[in-house]
Amino acid sequence: MKSEQNTMPYYVLDVFTNERFKGNPLPVVVTGKPLETSLYQQISREFGYLETSFMHYSKEDKALRVRSFTRNGREISGAGHNLLGAVCLAVLKDMNVFRVQEGVPSVIMKDRRIQLNIENNSNDLPFIGMLQQAPRYGNTVPAEDIAAALHLEPEDVKLFDWHPTVVTTEVSHLMVPLRNIDALNRATPNTGALHNIATGYGFQGCYCFVITDKDTPQIAQARFFHPAGGEDAATGSAAGPLGGFLFQKGYIHKDKEYAILQGVKLQQPSILRFRFTGAGIWVSGASTIVMEGILHV
């Protein structure tokens, strides 16, 4: 006798892009209800992507509830690509989630309500803004230490008088200013050394960036490294901290939108937009569906 199986639809979206096979890929499972934590973890491991998101509509909260897990089983939160992809999916599939909400649209990520802005762009894809918390500035890391962990020279980690700094909006990431594109392309993390620095200085990821030419549409180009290994094509949770870092340095203006180019080295270029405001930092982008199927559990 066959055991009874439950099925759930899933989708894979390319996030922070309006073109397929670019951006940061993200599986999103529509669960219909909350699941056991162990099942979230098993499904995330089965997909094998850096992160997998799960969502269902809560009548009690009158909101979409989203949870995300890494392929290693760690739950993550905050307004990053893992949330953007889920919200874009809800809009693309016309789930009627946000039209029934009163006031400003929002979503619950894990246990925190996050404010949204929902628009349609010229490609008929939803353009979603997520409000991250106001930035908090933490430790600075010696340039020679982070340079060694990235197989760079100390002089590569020199831009104006800026120092590598831990900045937190949703989560804590290390902002690493580099002097030019060549240094950005040469960066190769030593995972052991980077993990030790991350543990010692209290950050989750390393966001290396360069300031781009003023004639380009993006203010910065970036790469994101996980201390445990791996590189992201688009990291929304780091775009907000970078906006906070640049604002603290007086390099950008309040209430003006800027863009970051990420994922070039991975051949998955992504565009992340941010806007520094008095309420926090808006991080925005689009997503497109590339796969869909049925999950049996």
C-alpha atoms as a PDB file:
ATOM      1  CA  MET A   1       0.000   0.000   0.000  1.00  0.00           C
ATOM      2  CA  LYS A   2       1.344   3.389  -0.942  1.00  0.00           C
ATOM      3  CA  SER A   3       1.720   5.888   1.873  1.00  0.00           C
ATOM      4  CA  GLU A   4      -0.309   9.057   1.549  1.00  0.00           C
ATOM      5  CA  GLN A   5       1.687  11.958   0.169  1.00  0.00           C
ATOM      6  CA  ASN A   6       1.141  15.664   0.412  1.00  0.00           C
ATOM      7  CA  THR A   7       2.078  17.882  -2.505  1.00  0.00           C
ATOM      8  CA  MET A   8       3.057  21.534  -2.650  1.00  0.00           C
ATOM      9  CA  PRO A   9       3.849  23.732  -5.657  1.00  0.00           C
ATOM     10  CA  TYR A  10       7.306  25.194  -5.904  1.00  0.00           C
ATOM     11  CA  TYR A  11       8.949  27.777  -8.131  1.00  0.00           C
ATOM     12  CA  VAL A  12      12.509  28.849  -8.822  1.00  0.00           C
ATOM     13  CA  LEU A  13      12.944  32.559  -9.444  1.00  0.00           C
ATOM     14  CA  ASP A  14      15.923  34.604 -10.543  1.00  0.00           C
ATOM     15  CA  VAL A  15      15.958  37.484  -8.057  1.00  0.00           C
ATOM     16  CA  PHE A  16      17.211  41.065  -8.480  1.00  0.00           C
ATOM     17  CA  THR A  17      16.913  40.826 -12.249  1.00  0.00           C
ATOM     18  CA  ASN A  18      14.244  40.995 -14.939  1.00  0.00           C
ATOM     19  CA  GLU A  19      16.056  38.486 -17.173  1.00  0.00           C
ATOM     20  CA  ARG A  20      16.080  34.719 -16.775  1.00  0.00           C
ATOM     21  CA  PHE A  21      19.369  32.991 -15.933  1.00  0.00           C
ATOM     22  CA  LYS A  22      20.723  36.119 -14.307  1.00  0.00           C
ATOM     23  CA  GLY A  23      20.384  37.354 -10.736  1.00  0.00           C
ATOM     24  CA  ASN A  24      20.318  35.117  -7.656  1.00  0.00           C
ATOM     25  CA  PRO A  25      18.263  31.906  -8.034  1.00  0.00           C
ATOM     26  CA  LEU A  26      15.818  31.129  -5.233  1.00  0.00           C
ATOM     27  CA  PRO A  27      13.385  28.220  -4.780  1.00  0.00           C
ATOM     28  CA  VAL A  28      10.075  29.244  -3.192  1.00  0.00           C
ATOM     29  CA  VAL A  29       7.684  26.592  -1.862  1.00  0.00           C
ATOM     30  CA  VAL A  30       4.004  27.489  -1.363  1.00  0.00           C
ATOM     31  CA  THR A  31       3.170  25.405   1.700  1.00  0.00           C
ATOM     32  CA  GLY A  32      -0.416  26.476   2.401  1.00  0.00           C
ATOM     33  CA  LYS A  33       0.289  26.165   6.131  1.00  0.00           C
ATOM     34  CA  PRO A  34       3.199  26.203   8.595  1.00  0.00           C
ATOM     35  CA  LEU A  35       5.494  23.162   8.484  1.00  0.00           C
ATOM     36  CA  GLU A  36       7.708  21.488  11.057  1.00  0.00           C
ATOM     37  CA  THR A  37      11.154  23.058  11.188  1.00  0.00           C
ATOM     38  CA  SER A  38      12.782  19.732  10.322  1.00  0.00           C
ATOM     39  CA  LEU A  39      10.734  19.527   7.106  1.00  0.00           C
ATOM     40  CA  TYR A  40      11.771  23.034   6.060  1.00  0.00           C
ATOM     41  CA  GLN A  41      15.373  21.958   6.587  1.00  0.00           C
ATOM     42  CA  GLN A  42      15.004  18.678   4.668  1.00  0.00           C
ATOM     43  CA  ILE A  43      13.409  20.395   1.682  1.00  0.00           C
ATOM     44  CA  SER A  44      16.092  23.111   1.636  1.00  0.00           C
ATOM     45  CA  ARG A  45      18.801  20.462   1.668  1.00  0.00           C
ATOM     46  CA  GLU A  46      17.056  18.602  -1.173  1.00  0.00           C
ATOM     47  CA  PHE A  47      16.938  21.710  -3.367  1.00  0.00           C
ATOM     48  CA  GLY A  48      20.616  22.404  -2.664  1.00  0.00           C
ATOM     49  CA  TYR A  49      20.482  26.138  -3.364  1.00  0.00           C
ATOM     50  CA  LEU A  50      22.157  28.569  -0.990  1.00  0.00           C
ATOM     51  CA  GLU A  51      18.700  29.447   0.407  1.00  0.00           C
ATOM     52  CA  THR A  52      15.123  28.241  -0.003  1.00  0.00           C
ATOM     53  CA  SER A  53      12.013  30.210   1.014  1.00  0.00           C
ATOM     54  CA  PHE A  54       8.624  28.929   2.147  1.00  0.00           C
ATOM     55  CA  MET A  55       5.427  30.923   2.256  1.00  0.00           C
ATOM     56  CA  HIS A  56       1.763  30.673   3.168  1.00  0.00           C
ATOM     57  CA  TYR A  57      -1.051  33.139   3.715  1.00  0.00           C
ATOM     58  CA  SER A  58      -2.114  33.636   7.336  1.00  0.00           C
ATOM     59  CA  LYS A  59      -5.775  34.617   7.709  1.00  0.00           C
ATOM     60  CA  GLU A  60      -5.132  35.462  11.348  1.00  0.00           C
ATOM     61  CA  ASP A  61      -2.373  37.958  10.480  1.00  0.00           C
ATOM     62  CA  LYS A  62      -3.923  38.967   7.145  1.00  0.00           C
ATOM     63  CA  ALA A  63      -0.451  38.692   5.695  1.00  0.00           C
ATOM     64  CA  LEU A  64       1.921  36.468   3.816  1.00  0.00           C
ATOM     65  CA  ARG A  65       4.259  34.628   6.180  1.00  0.00           C
ATOM     66  CA  VAL A  66       7.712  33.709   4.895  1.00  0.00           C
ATOM     67  CA  ARG A  67      10.492  31.587   6.358  1.00  0.00           C
ATOM     68  CA  SER A  68      13.856  30.833   4.738  1.00  0.00           C
ATOM     69  CA  PHE A  69      16.534  28.218   5.360  1.00  0.00           C
ATOM     70  CA  THR A  70      20.006  27.575   4.003  1.00  0.00           C
ATOM     71  CA  ARG A  71      20.882  24.215   2.497  1.00  0.00           C
ATOM     72  CA  ASN A  72      22.751  23.519   5.752  1.00  0.00           C
ATOM     73  CA  GLY A  73      19.554  23.955   7.769  1.00  0.00           C
ATOM     74  CA  ARG A  74      20.149  27.416   9.276  1.00  0.00           C
ATOM     75  CA  GLU A  75      17.135  29.717   9.343  1.00  0.00           C
ATOM     76  CA  ILE A  76      17.710  33.235   8.066  1.00  0.00           C
ATOM     77  CA  SER A  77      15.563  36.323   8.289  1.00  0.00           C
ATOM     78  CA  GLY A  78      15.503  39.887   7.066  1.00  0.00           C
ATOM     79  CA  ALA A  79      14.629  41.704   3.864  1.00  0.00           C
ATOM     80  CA  GLY A  80      17.008  40.091   1.394  1.00  0.00           C
ATOM     81  CA  HIS A  81      16.689  38.175  -1.871  1.00  0.00           C
ATOM     82  CA  ASN A  82      14.997  35.346   0.036  1.00  0.00           C
ATOM     83  CA  LEU A  83      12.073  37.659   0.852  1.00  0.00           C
ATOM     84  CA  LEU A  84      12.048  39.587  -2.430  1.00  0.00           C
ATOM     85  CA  GLY A  85      11.636  36.392  -4.454  1.00  0.00           C
ATOM     86  CA  ALA A  86       8.698  35.211  -2.335  1.00  0.00           C
ATOM     87  CA  VAL A  87       6.881  38.543  -2.579  1.00  0.00           C
ATOM     88  CA  CYS A  88       7.464  38.750  -6.336  1.00  0.00           C
ATOM     89  CA  LEU A  89       6.040  35.244  -6.717  1.00  0.00           C
ATOM     90  CA  ALA A  90       2.882  36.185  -4.810  1.00  0.00           C
ATOM     91  CA  VAL A  91       2.367  39.141  -7.157  1.00  0.00           C
ATOM     92  CA  LEU A  92       3.278  37.242 -10.331  1.00  0.00           C
ATOM     93  CA  LYS A  93       0.814  34.460  -9.466  1.00  0.00           C
ATOM     94  CA  ASP A  94      -1.848  37.016  -8.489  1.00  0.00           C
ATOM     95  CA  MET A  95      -2.377  35.467  -5.072  1.00  0.00           C
ATOM     96  CA  ASN A  96      -4.474  38.505  -4.049  1.00  0.00           C
ATOM     97  CA  VAL A  97      -2.473  38.783  -0.821  1.00  0.00           C
ATOM     98  CA  PHE A  98      -1.702  42.484  -0.781  1.00  0.00           C
ATOM     99  CA  ARG A  99      -4.934  43.848  -2.247  1.00  0.00           C
ATOM    100  CA  VAL A 100      -6.861  42.657   0.817  1.00  0.00           C
ATOM    101  CA  GLN A 101      -4.472  44.297   3.275  1.00  0.00           C
ATOM    102  CA  GLU A 102      -5.466  47.570   4.869  1.00  0.00           C
ATOM    103  CA  GLY A 103      -2.986  50.423   4.633  1.00  0.00           C
ATOM    104  CA  VAL A 104       0.620  49.919   3.584  1.00  0.00           C
ATOM    105  CA  PRO A 105       1.382  46.427   2.205  1.00  0.00           C
ATOM    106  CA  SER A 106       3.577  44.253   4.391  1.00  0.00           C
ATOM    107  CA  VAL A 107       4.798  40.707   4.885  1.00  0.00           C
ATOM    108  CA  ILE A 108       5.860  38.741   7.949  1.00  0.00           C
ATOM    109  CA  MET A 109       9.370  37.336   7.650  1.00  0.00           C
ATOM    110  CA  LYS A 110       9.774  34.727  10.354  1.00  0.00           C
ATOM    111  CA  ASP A 111       8.177  36.796  13.174  1.00  0.00           C
ATOM    112  CA  ARG A 112       8.769  40.407  12.052  1.00  0.00           C
ATOM    113  CA  ARG A 113       6.477  42.476   9.867  1.00  0.00           C
ATOM    114  CA  ILE A 114       8.324  44.191   7.007  1.00  0.00           C
ATOM    115  CA  GLN A 115       6.865  47.076   5.033  1.00  0.00           C
ATOM    116  CA  LEU A 116       6.692  46.742   1.244  1.00  0.00           C
ATOM    117  CA  ASN A 117       6.277  48.919  -1.822  1.00  0.00           C
ATOM    118  CA  ILE A 118       4.822  47.183  -4.879  1.00  0.00           C
ATOM    119  CA  GLU A 119       5.005  48.521  -8.434  1.00  0.00           C
ATOM    120  CA  ASN A 120       5.013  47.133 -11.969  1.00  0.00           C
ATOM    121  CA  ASN A 121       7.914  47.958 -14.242  1.00  0.00           C
ATOM    122  CA  SER A 122       8.018  48.223 -18.018  1.00  0.00           C
ATOM    123  CA  ASN A 123       8.558  44.469 -18.425  1.00  0.00           C
ATOM    124  CA  ASP A 124       5.293  43.640 -16.624  1.00  0.00           C
ATOM    125  CA  LEU A 125       7.284  42.225 -13.729  1.00  0.00           C
ATOM    126  CA  PRO A 126       6.627  43.335 -10.151  1.00  0.00           C
ATOM    127  CA  PHE A 127       9.183  45.773  -8.776  1.00  0.00           C
ATOM    128  CA  ILE A 128       9.279  45.262  -5.014  1.00  0.00           C
ATOM    129  CA  GLY A 129      10.727  47.523  -2.356  1.00  0.00           C
ATOM    130  CA  MET A 130      11.491  46.179   1.135  1.00  0.00           C
ATOM    131  CA  LEU A 131      12.099  48.503   4.069  1.00  0.00           C
ATOM    132  CA  GLN A 132      15.183  47.494   6.030  1.00  0.00           C
ATOM    133  CA  GLN A 133      15.927  48.867   9.469  1.00  0.00           C
ATOM    134  CA  ALA A 134      18.063  51.955   9.991  1.00  0.00           C
ATOM    135  CA  PRO A 135      21.772  51.068   9.816  1.00  0.00           C
ATOM    136  CA  ARG A 136      23.884  50.452  12.892  1.00  0.00           C
ATOM    137  CA  TYR A 137      27.647  50.785  12.614  1.00  0.00           C
ATOM    138  CA  GLY A 138      29.934  48.358  14.408  1.00  0.00           C
ATOM    139  CA  ASN A 139      33.556  47.255  14.460  1.00  0.00           C
ATOM    140  CA  THR A 140      36.176  48.174  11.912  1.00  0.00           C
ATOM    141  CA  VAL A 141      38.519  45.441  10.694  1.00  0.00           C
ATOM    142  CA  PRO A 142      42.208  46.116   9.945  1.00  0.00           C
ATOM    143  CA  ALA A 143      42.748  46.316   6.191  1.00  0.00           C
ATOM    144  CA  GLU A 144      45.712  43.942   6.315  1.00  0.00           C
ATOM    145  CA  ASP A 145      43.649  41.260   8.059  1.00  0.00           C
ATOM    146  CA  ILE A 146      40.749  41.255   5.619  1.00  0.00           C
ATOM    147  CA  ALA A 147      43.163  41.610   2.682  1.00  0.00           C
ATOM    148  CA  ALA A 148      44.965  38.436   3.734  1.00  0.00           C
ATOM    149  CA  ALA A 149      41.626  36.611   4.106  1.00  0.00           C
ATOM    150  CA  LEU A 150      40.743  37.605   0.525  1.00  0.00           C
ATOM    151  CA  HIS A 151      44.174  36.868  -0.978  1.00  0.00           C
ATOM    152  CA  LEU A 152      44.658  40.574  -1.681  1.00  0.00           C
ATOM    153  CA  GLU A 153      47.380  43.064  -0.825  1.00  0.00           C
ATOM    154  CA  PRO A 154      46.731  45.607   1.968  1.00  0.00           C
ATOM    155  CA  GLU A 155      46.916  48.437  -0.569  1.00  0.00           C
ATOM    156  CA  ASP A 156      43.973  46.849  -2.420  1.00  0.00           C
ATOM    157  CA  VAL A 157      41.783  47.566   0.613  1.00  0.00           C
ATOM    158  CA  LYS A 158      42.213  51.313   0.275  1.00  0.00           C
ATOM    159  CA  LEU A 159      39.560  53.717  -0.946  1.00  0.00           C
ATOM    160  CA  PHE A 160      39.627  57.323   0.221  1.00  0.00           C
ATOM    161  CA  ASP A 161      40.070  57.133   4.021  1.00  0.00           C
ATOM    162  CA  TRP A 162      37.414  54.423   4.414  1.00  0.00           C
ATOM    163  CA  HIS A 163      37.980  51.349   6.573  1.00  0.00           C
ATOM    164  CA  PRO A 164      36.308  47.923   6.418  1.00  0.00           C
ATOM    165  CA  THR A 165      33.312  48.302   8.729  1.00  0.00           C
ATOM    166  CA  VAL A 166      30.581  46.044  10.080  1.00  0.00           C
ATOM    167  CA  VAL A 167      27.159  47.521   9.255  1.00  0.00           C
ATOM    168  CA  THR A 168      23.800  46.090  10.322  1.00  0.00           C
ATOM    169  CA  THR A 169      20.311  46.658   8.932  1.00  0.00           C
ATOM    170  CA  GLU A 170      18.655  43.218   8.818  1.00  0.00           C
ATOM    171  CA  VAL A 171      21.841  41.286   9.577  1.00  0.00           C
ATOM    172  CA  SER A 172      25.482  42.263  10.116  1.00  0.00           C
ATOM    173  CA  HIS A 173      27.817  42.280   7.129  1.00  0.00           C
ATOM    174  CA  LEU A 174      31.342  43.599   6.654  1.00  0.00           C
ATOM    175  CA  MET A 175      31.613  46.387   4.091  1.00  0.00           C
ATOM    176  CA  VAL A 176      35.019  46.143   2.381  1.00  0.00           C
ATOM    177  CA  PRO A 177      35.951  49.114   0.146  1.00  0.00           C
ATOM    178  CA  LEU A 178      38.437  48.168  -2.586  1.00  0.00           C
ATOM    179  CA  ARG A 179      40.491  50.527  -4.714  1.00  0.00           C
ATOM    180  CA  ASN A 180      39.525  49.252  -8.197  1.00  0.00           C
ATOM    181  CA  ILE A 181      37.734  46.620 -10.301  1.00  0.00           C
ATOM    182  CA  ASP A 182      40.931  44.602 -10.664  1.00  0.00           C
ATOM    183  CA  ALA A 183      41.110  44.107  -6.902  1.00  0.00           C
ATOM    184  CA  LEU A 184      37.421  43.193  -6.806  1.00  0.00           C
ATOM    185  CA  ASN A 185      37.912  40.542  -9.498  1.00  0.00           C
ATOM    186  CA  ARG A 186      41.028  39.136  -7.824  1.00  0.00           C
ATOM    187  CA  ALA A 187      39.388  38.666  -4.421  1.00  0.00           C
ATOM    188  CA  THR A 188      39.362  34.969  -3.501  1.00  0.00           C
ATOM    189  CA  PRO A 189      38.348  34.130   0.049  1.00  0.00           C
ATOM    190  CA  ASN A 190      40.355  31.922   2.361  1.00  0.00           C
ATOM    191  CA  THR A 191      37.321  30.414   4.077  1.00  0.00           C
ATOM    192  CA  GLY A 192      39.157  29.520   7.275  1.00  0.00           C
ATOM    193  CA  ALA A 193      40.629  32.988   7.733  1.00  0.00           C
ATOM    194  CA  LEU A 194      37.404  34.726   6.717  1.00  0.00           C
ATOM    195  CA  HIS A 195      35.395  32.576   9.121  1.00  0.00           C
ATOM    196  CA  ASN A 196      37.743  33.466  11.973  1.00  0.00           C
ATOM    197  CA  ILE A 197      37.450  37.201  11.240  1.00  0.00           C
ATOM    198  CA  ALA A 198      33.665  36.963  10.935  1.00  0.00           C
ATOM    199  CA  THR A 199      33.445  35.194  14.281  1.00  0.00           C
ATOM    200  CA  GLY A 200      35.797  37.632  15.977  1.00  0.00           C
ATOM    201  CA  TYR A 201      34.195  40.811  14.642  1.00  0.00           C
ATOM    202  CA  GLY A 202      30.574  39.666  14.564  1.00  0.00           C
ATOM    203  CA  PHE A 203      29.391  39.615  10.956  1.00  0.00           C
ATOM    204  CA  GLN A 204      27.715  37.080   8.682  1.00  0.00           C
ATOM    205  CA  GLY A 205      29.091  37.943   5.258  1.00  0.00           C
ATOM    206  CA  CYS A 206      31.725  39.984   3.470  1.00  0.00           C
ATOM    207  CA  TYR A 207      30.557  42.581   0.918  1.00  0.00           C
ATOM    208  CA  CYS A 208      33.462  43.794  -1.208  1.00  0.00           C
ATOM    209  CA  PHE A 209      32.736  46.805  -3.390  1.00  0.00           C
ATOM    210  CA  VAL A 210      34.275  49.439  -5.619  1.00  0.00           C
ATOM    211  CA  ILE A 211      32.918  52.845  -6.553  1.00  0.00           C
ATOM    212  CA  THR A 212      32.125  52.877 -10.251  1.00  0.00           C
ATOM    213  CA  ASP A 213      32.702  55.560 -12.856  1.00  0.00           C
ATOM    214  CA  LYS A 214      30.195  58.391 -12.646  1.00  0.00           C
ATOM    215  CA  ASP A 215      29.074  57.666 -16.220  1.00  0.00           C
ATOM    216  CA  THR A 216      27.755  54.212 -15.265  1.00  0.00           C
ATOM    217  CA  PRO A 217      24.166  53.734 -14.041  1.00  0.00           C
ATOM    218  CA  GLN A 218      25.343  51.964 -10.861  1.00  0.00           C
ATOM    219  CA  ILE A 219      27.110  53.728  -8.025  1.00  0.00           C
ATOM    220  CA  ALA A 220      29.025  50.594  -7.010  1.00  0.00           C
ATOM    221  CA  GLN A 221      29.924  47.095  -8.132  1.00  0.00           C
ATOM    222  CA  ALA A 222      30.094  44.405  -5.454  1.00  0.00           C
ATOM    223  CA  ARG A 223      30.793  40.784  -4.601  1.00  0.00           C
ATOM    224  CA  PHE A 224      29.484  38.926  -1.553  1.00  0.00           C
ATOM    225  CA  PHE A 225      31.367  36.085   0.155  1.00  0.00           C
ATOM    226  CA  HIS A 226      30.056  33.698   2.792  1.00  0.00           C
ATOM    227  CA  PRO A 227      32.640  32.912   5.485  1.00  0.00           C
ATOM    228  CA  ALA A 228      31.690  29.234   5.212  1.00  0.00           C
ATOM    229  CA  GLY A 229      32.306  29.316   1.465  1.00  0.00           C
ATOM    230  CA  GLY A 230      30.385  30.404  -1.607  1.00  0.00           C
ATOM    231  CA  GLU A 231      29.538  33.637  -3.390  1.00  0.00           C
ATOM    232  CA  ASP A 232      26.147  35.269  -3.964  1.00  0.00           C
ATOM    233  CA  ALA A 233      25.028  36.774  -7.248  1.00  0.00           C
ATOM    234  CA  ALA A 234      22.768  39.247  -5.408  1.00  0.00           C
ATOM    235  CA  THR A 235      22.585  39.978  -1.685  1.00  0.00           C
ATOM    236  CA  GLY A 236      19.736  42.220  -0.614  1.00  0.00           C
ATOM    237  CA  SER A 237      20.691  41.978   3.049  1.00  0.00           C
ATOM    238  CA  ALA A 238      24.066  43.547   2.154  1.00  0.00           C
ATOM    239  CA  ALA A 239      22.771  46.229  -0.211  1.00  0.00           C
ATOM    240  CA  GLY A 240      21.098  48.073   2.669  1.00  0.00           C
ATOM    241  CA  PRO A 241      24.243  48.113   4.830  1.00  0.00           C
ATOM    242  CA  LEU A 242      26.263  49.367   1.869  1.00  0.00           C
ATOM    243  CA  GLY A 243      23.753  52.196   1.452  1.00  0.00           C
ATOM    244  CA  GLY A 244      24.163  53.001   5.140  1.00  0.00           C
ATOM    245  CA  PHE A 245      27.956  52.936   4.839  1.00  0.00           C
ATOM    246  CA  LEU A 246      27.967  55.278   1.840  1.00  0.00           C
ATOM    247  CA  PHE A 247      25.541  57.653   3.549  1.00  0.00           C
ATOM    248  CA  GLN A 248      27.677  57.752   6.703  1.00  0.00           C
ATOM    249  CA  LYS A 249      30.664  58.685   4.530  1.00  0.00           C
ATOM    250  CA  GLY A 250      28.700  61.511   2.921  1.00  0.00           C
ATOM    251  CA  TYR A 251      28.984  59.893  -0.517  1.00  0.00           C
ATOM    252  CA  ILE A 252      25.232  59.633  -1.235  1.00  0.00           C
ATOM    253  CA  HIS A 253      22.163  61.753  -0.563  1.00  0.00           C
ATOM    254  CA  LYS A 254      19.099  60.978   1.500  1.00  0.00           C
ATOM    255  CA  ASP A 255      15.867  60.019  -0.339  1.00  0.00           C
ATOM    256  CA  LYS A 256      17.641  59.414  -3.657  1.00  0.00           C
ATOM    257  CA  GLU A 257      17.691  56.007  -5.348  1.00  0.00           C
ATOM    258  CA  TYR A 258      20.984  54.340  -6.254  1.00  0.00           C
ATOM    259  CA  ALA A 259      21.889  51.002  -7.851  1.00  0.00           C
ATOM    260  CA  ILE A 260      24.489  48.311  -7.176  1.00  0.00           C
ATOM    261  CA  LEU A 261      25.781  45.853  -9.767  1.00  0.00           C
ATOM    262  CA  GLN A 262      26.586  42.396  -8.370  1.00  0.00           C
ATOM    263  CA  GLY A 263      27.146  38.894  -9.765  1.00  0.00           C
ATOM    264  CA  VAL A 264      29.311  39.852 -12.753  1.00  0.00           C
ATOM    265  CA  LYS A 265      32.095  37.436 -11.804  1.00  0.00           C
ATOM    266  CA  LEU A 266      29.513  34.611 -11.610  1.00  0.00           C
ATOM    267  CA  GLN A 267      28.078  35.595 -15.009  1.00  0.00           C
ATOM    268  CA  GLN A 268      24.786  36.260 -13.228  1.00  0.00           C
ATOM    269  CA  PRO A 269      24.625  40.075 -13.233  1.00  0.00           C
ATOM    270  CA  SER A 270      22.110  41.522 -10.779  1.00  0.00           C
ATOM    271  CA  ILE A 271      20.816  45.021 -10.124  1.00  0.00           C
ATOM    272  CA  LEU A 272      19.989  45.965  -6.523  1.00  0.00           C
ATOM    273  CA  ARG A 273      18.500  49.379  -5.833  1.00  0.00           C
ATOM    274  CA  PHE A 274      18.533  51.183  -2.498  1.00  0.00           C
ATOM    275  CA  ARG A 275      17.294  54.454  -1.036  1.00  0.00           C
ATOM    276  CA  PHE A 276      18.342  55.863   2.332  1.00  0.00           C
ATOM    277  CA  THR A 277      15.421  57.432   4.233  1.00  0.00           C
ATOM    278  CA  GLY A 278      14.606  58.584   7.739  1.00  0.00           C
ATOM    279  CA  ALA A 279      12.548  55.423   8.291  1.00  0.00           C
ATOM    280  CA  GLY A 280      15.295  53.031   7.182  1.00  0.00           C
ATOM    281  CA  ILE A 281      16.748  51.838   3.892  1.00  0.00           C
ATOM    282  CA  TRP A 282      14.551  50.693   1.016  1.00  0.00           C
ATOM    283  CA  VAL A 283      16.071  47.827  -0.998  1.00  0.00           C
ATOM    284  CA  SER A 284      14.293  47.109  -4.277  1.00  0.00           C
ATOM    285  CA  GLY A 285      14.388  44.832  -7.283  1.00  0.00           C
ATOM    286  CA  ALA A 286      12.536  42.571  -9.677  1.00  0.00           C
ATOM    287  CA  SER A 287      12.332  38.783 -10.068  1.00  0.00           C
ATOM    288  CA  THR A 288      11.317  36.393 -12.818  1.00  0.00           C
ATOM    289  CA  ILE A 289      10.167  32.757 -12.692  1.00  0.00           C
ATOM    290  CA  VAL A 290      12.419  30.201 -14.425  1.00  0.00           C
ATOM    291  CA  MET A 291      11.073  26.865 -13.112  1.00  0.00           C
ATOM    292  CA  GLU A 292       8.014  25.416 -11.430  1.00  0.00           C
ATOM    293  CA  GLY A 293       6.924  22.003 -10.288  1.00  0.00           C
ATOM    294  CA  ILE A 294       5.305  19.850  -7.612  1.00  0.00           C
ATOM    295  CA  LEU A 295       7.030  18.837  -4.394  1.00  0.00           C
ATOM    296  CA  HIS A 296       6.016  15.528  -2.778  1.00  0.00           C
ATOM    297  CA  VAL A 297       6.452  15.243   0.990  1.00  0.00           C
END
